[in-house]
C-alpha atoms as a PDB file:
ATOM      1  CA  MET A   1       0.000   0.000   0.000  1.00  0.00           C
ATOM      2  CA  ILE A   2       1.089   3.548  -0.698  1.00  0.00           C
ATOM      3  CA  ASN A   3       1.054   5.793   2.353  1.00  0.00           C
ATOM      4  CA  GLU A   4       2.650   9.207   2.001  1.00  0.00           C
ATOM      5  CA  SER A   5       1.653  12.532   3.547  1.00  0.00           C
ATOM      6  CA  THR A   6       0.699  15.627   1.598  1.00  0.00           C
ATOM      7  CA  CYS A   7      -2.446  17.484   0.643  1.00  0.00           C
ATOM      8  CA  ASN A   8      -2.955  18.579  -2.943  1.00  0.00           C
ATOM      9  CA  PRO A   9      -6.556  19.283  -4.012  1.00  0.00           C
ATOM     10  CA  THR A  10      -7.061  19.322  -7.769  1.00  0.00           C
ATOM     11  CA  LEU A  11      -9.075  22.022  -9.535  1.00  0.00           C
ATOM     12  CA  ILE A  12     -11.633  20.641 -11.982  1.00  0.00           C
ATOM     13  CA  GLU A  13     -13.044  23.286 -14.323  1.00  0.00           C
ATOM     14  CA  ALA A  14     -16.838  23.344 -14.720  1.00  0.00           C
ATOM     15  CA  GLY A  15     -17.931  20.818 -17.309  1.00  0.00           C
ATOM     16  CA  ARG A  16     -14.411  19.334 -17.528  1.00  0.00           C
ATOM     17  CA  SER A  17     -13.379  15.898 -16.369  1.00  0.00           C
ATOM     18  CA  ILE A  18     -10.487  13.971 -14.922  1.00  0.00           C
ATOM     19  CA  ARG A  19     -10.018  10.533 -16.487  1.00  0.00           C
ATOM     20  CA  LEU A  20      -8.739   7.771 -14.221  1.00  0.00           C
ATOM     21  CA  GLU A  21      -7.902   4.356 -15.686  1.00  0.00           C
ATOM     22  CA  ASP A  22      -7.949   1.248 -13.494  1.00  0.00           C
ATOM     23  CA  GLY A  23      -8.066   3.253 -10.255  1.00  0.00           C
ATOM     24  CA  VAL A  24      -9.813   0.725  -8.008  1.00  0.00           C
ATOM     25  CA  GLY A  25      -9.244   1.686  -4.361  1.00  0.00           C
ATOM     26  CA  THR A  26      -8.671   5.365  -5.170  1.00  0.00           C
ATOM     27  CA  GLU A  27     -10.667   7.695  -2.913  1.00  0.00           C
ATOM     28  CA  ILE A  28     -12.188  10.889  -4.281  1.00  0.00           C
ATOM     29  CA  THR A  29     -13.345  13.628  -1.901  1.00  0.00           C
ATOM     30  CA  SER A  30     -15.098  16.817  -2.937  1.00  0.00           C
ATOM     31  CA  VAL A  31     -13.240  19.545  -1.054  1.00  0.00           C
ATOM     32  CA  ASN A  32     -15.355  22.351  -2.499  1.00  0.00           C
ATOM     33  CA  GLY A  33     -18.105  22.172  -5.117  1.00  0.00           C
ATOM     34  CA  THR A  34     -20.111  19.332  -6.618  1.00  0.00           C
ATOM     35  CA  VAL A  35     -18.575  16.511  -8.635  1.00  0.00           C
ATOM     36  CA  TRP A  36     -20.163  13.687 -10.610  1.00  0.00           C
ATOM     37  CA  ILE A  37     -18.390  10.330 -10.782  1.00  0.00           C
ATOM     38  CA  THR A  38     -19.180   7.612 -13.281  1.00  0.00           C
ATOM     39  CA  GLN A  39     -17.390   4.291 -13.690  1.00  0.00           C
ATOM     40  CA  GLU A  40     -17.190   2.132 -16.789  1.00  0.00           C
ATOM     41  CA  GLY A  41     -19.785  -0.646 -16.661  1.00  0.00           C
ATOM     42  CA  ASP A  42     -21.499   0.799 -13.567  1.00  0.00           C
ATOM     43  CA  PRO A  43     -25.103   2.044 -13.919  1.00  0.00           C
ATOM     44  CA  ARG A  44     -24.760   4.259 -10.824  1.00  0.00           C
ATOM     45  CA  ASP A  45     -24.180   7.985 -10.948  1.00  0.00           C
ATOM     46  CA  VAL A  46     -22.299   9.208  -7.889  1.00  0.00           C
ATOM     47  CA  ILE A  47     -22.740  12.876  -6.965  1.00  0.00           C
ATOM     48  CA  LEU A  48     -20.508  14.302  -4.229  1.00  0.00           C
ATOM     49  CA  SER A  49     -21.099  17.576  -2.428  1.00  0.00           C
ATOM     50  CA  SER A  50     -18.411  19.313  -0.388  1.00  0.00           C
ATOM     51  CA  GLY A  51     -17.013  16.973   2.256  1.00  0.00           C
ATOM     52  CA  GLN A  52     -18.372  13.757   0.727  1.00  0.00           C
ATOM     53  CA  SER A  53     -16.150  10.903  -0.480  1.00  0.00           C
ATOM     54  CA  PHE A  54     -16.349   7.898  -2.781  1.00  0.00           C
ATOM     55  CA  THR A  55     -13.901   5.050  -3.331  1.00  0.00           C
ATOM     56  CA  ILE A  56     -13.566   3.680  -6.863  1.00  0.00           C
ATOM     57  CA  ASP A  57     -14.691   0.059  -6.646  1.00  0.00           C
ATOM     58  CA  ARG A  58     -13.869  -1.266 -10.108  1.00  0.00           C
ATOM     59  CA  ASP A  59     -11.181  -1.033 -12.740  1.00  0.00           C
ATOM     60  CA  GLY A  60     -11.787   0.519 -16.140  1.00  0.00           C
ATOM     61  CA  LEU A  61     -12.373   4.170 -16.945  1.00  0.00           C
ATOM     62  CA  THR A  62     -13.660   6.487 -14.206  1.00  0.00           C
ATOM     63  CA  LEU A  63     -14.636  10.078 -14.970  1.00  0.00           C
ATOM     64  CA  VAL A  64     -14.725  12.792 -12.309  1.00  0.00           C
ATOM     65  CA  VAL A  65     -16.649  15.836 -13.590  1.00  0.00           C
ATOM     66  CA  ALA A  66     -17.252  19.247 -11.989  1.00  0.00           C
ATOM     67  CA  LEU A  67     -20.928  20.174 -12.224  1.00  0.00           C
ATOM     68  CA  GLU A  68     -22.050  23.752 -12.967  1.00  0.00           C
ATOM     69  CA  GLN A  69     -19.008  25.473 -11.449  1.00  0.00           C
ATOM     70  CA  PRO A  70     -15.352  24.688 -10.731  1.00  0.00           C
ATOM     71  CA  ALA A  71     -14.705  22.186  -7.946  1.00  0.00           C
ATOM     72  CA  PHE A  72     -11.715  21.109  -5.914  1.00  0.00           C
ATOM     73  CA  ALA A  73     -11.322  17.375  -5.397  1.00  0.00           C
ATOM     74  CA  GLN A  74      -8.840  15.410  -3.308  1.00  0.00           C
ATOM     75  CA  ILE A  75      -7.825  12.252  -5.170  1.00  0.00           C
ATOM     76  CA  MET A  76      -5.993   9.759  -2.959  1.00  0.00           C
ATOM     77  CA  ALA A  77      -4.393   6.556  -4.163  1.00  0.00           C
ATOM     78  CA  SER A  78      -4.628   3.678  -1.745  1.00  0.00           C
ATOM     79  CA  GLY A  79      -3.815   0.871  -4.115  1.00  0.00           C
ATOM     80  CA  ASP A  80      -0.676  -0.543  -5.653  1.00  0.00           C
ATOM     81  CA  ARG A  81       2.363   1.329  -6.938  1.00  0.00           C
ATOM     82  CA  ALA A  82       1.112   1.258 -10.549  1.00  0.00           C
ATOM     83  CA  THR A  83      -2.093   3.100  -9.577  1.00  0.00           C
ATOM     84  CA  PHE A  84      -0.082   5.618  -7.557  1.00  0.00           C
ATOM     85  CA  ASP A  85       2.290   6.248 -10.473  1.00  0.00           C
ATOM     86  CA  LEU A  86      -0.562   6.685 -12.995  1.00  0.00           C
ATOM     87  CA  LEU A  87      -2.263   9.280 -10.807  1.00  0.00           C
ATOM     88  CA  ALA A  88       1.010  11.088 -10.145  1.00  0.00           C
ATOM     89  CA  VAL A  89       1.752  11.289 -13.871  1.00  0.00           C
ATOM     90  CA  ALA A  90      -1.773  12.642 -14.466  1.00  0.00           C
ATOM     91  CA  GLY A  91      -0.967  15.397 -11.966  1.00  0.00           C
ATOM     92  CA  VAL A  92      -4.076  14.786  -9.867  1.00  0.00           C
ATOM     93  CA  LEU A  93      -2.677  12.857  -6.961  1.00  0.00           C
ATOM     94  CA  GLY A  94      -3.128  13.777  -3.355  1.00  0.00           C
ATOM     95  CA  LYS A  95      -1.489  11.388  -0.941  1.00  0.00           C
ATOM     96  CA  ARG A  96      -3.034  10.058   2.244  1.00  0.00           C
ATOM     97  CA  PRO A  97      -3.510  11.389   4.911  1.00  0.00           C
ATOM     98  CA  CYS A  98      -4.629  14.935   4.183  1.00  0.00           C
ATOM     99  CA  ASN A  99      -4.478  16.838   7.470  1.00  0.00           C
ATOM    100  CA  PRO A 100      -5.103  19.552   8.286  1.00  0.00           C
ATOM    101  CA  GLU A 101      -8.003  20.277   5.941  1.00  0.00           C
ATOM    102  CA  PRO A 102      -7.003  22.660   3.166  1.00  0.00           C
ATOM    103  CA  ASN A 103      -8.230  26.225   3.514  1.00  0.00           C
ATOM    104  CA  VAL A 104     -10.969  26.224   0.861  1.00  0.00           C
ATOM    105  CA  ARG A 105     -11.295  30.015   0.936  1.00  0.00           C
ATOM    106  CA  GLU A 106      -7.625  30.360  -0.017  1.00  0.00           C
ATOM    107  CA  LEU A 107      -8.003  27.760  -2.775  1.00  0.00           C
ATOM    108  CA  VAL A 108     -11.042  29.480  -4.268  1.00  0.00           C
ATOM    109  CA  ALA A 109      -9.485  32.953  -3.916  1.00  0.00           C
ATOM    110  CA  GLY A 110      -6.435  31.712  -5.814  1.00  0.00           C
ATOM    111  CA  TYR A 111      -8.541  30.397  -8.668  1.00  0.00           C
END
C-alpha cells in the first residue's frame, strides 16, 4: 500500500473531467463544489457535495466531472504502486492522509 503525507486538491473546471484508468481503491473527496463520478460498466451515478467521499470500486475508466461550477477534489491513491504512479503522472494525486483540511477560501481565492 502507498502511504505518504501531503495534501494537494485538484481544480476541476466546470464541465471538464479527470479521467482515471484502473483506479480501483482510489478515494475521491469533494473539497469544495459538486462533482459527478461515473465508472465504466457501472449504472450508478455518484454525486458528491463538499465533504463527501467515494472510493472507486472497479477497474476501467472512471470520470470525475465538476458540475455547474469549478470544484476542488482530493484524489488519494490507496492501491498498488502502478495506480499511484498513474495518478502522479496525471498530476491529480493527493497522498493520504490529508491533514489539516485545506483552507478552501484560499483555494477558491487563488482560482
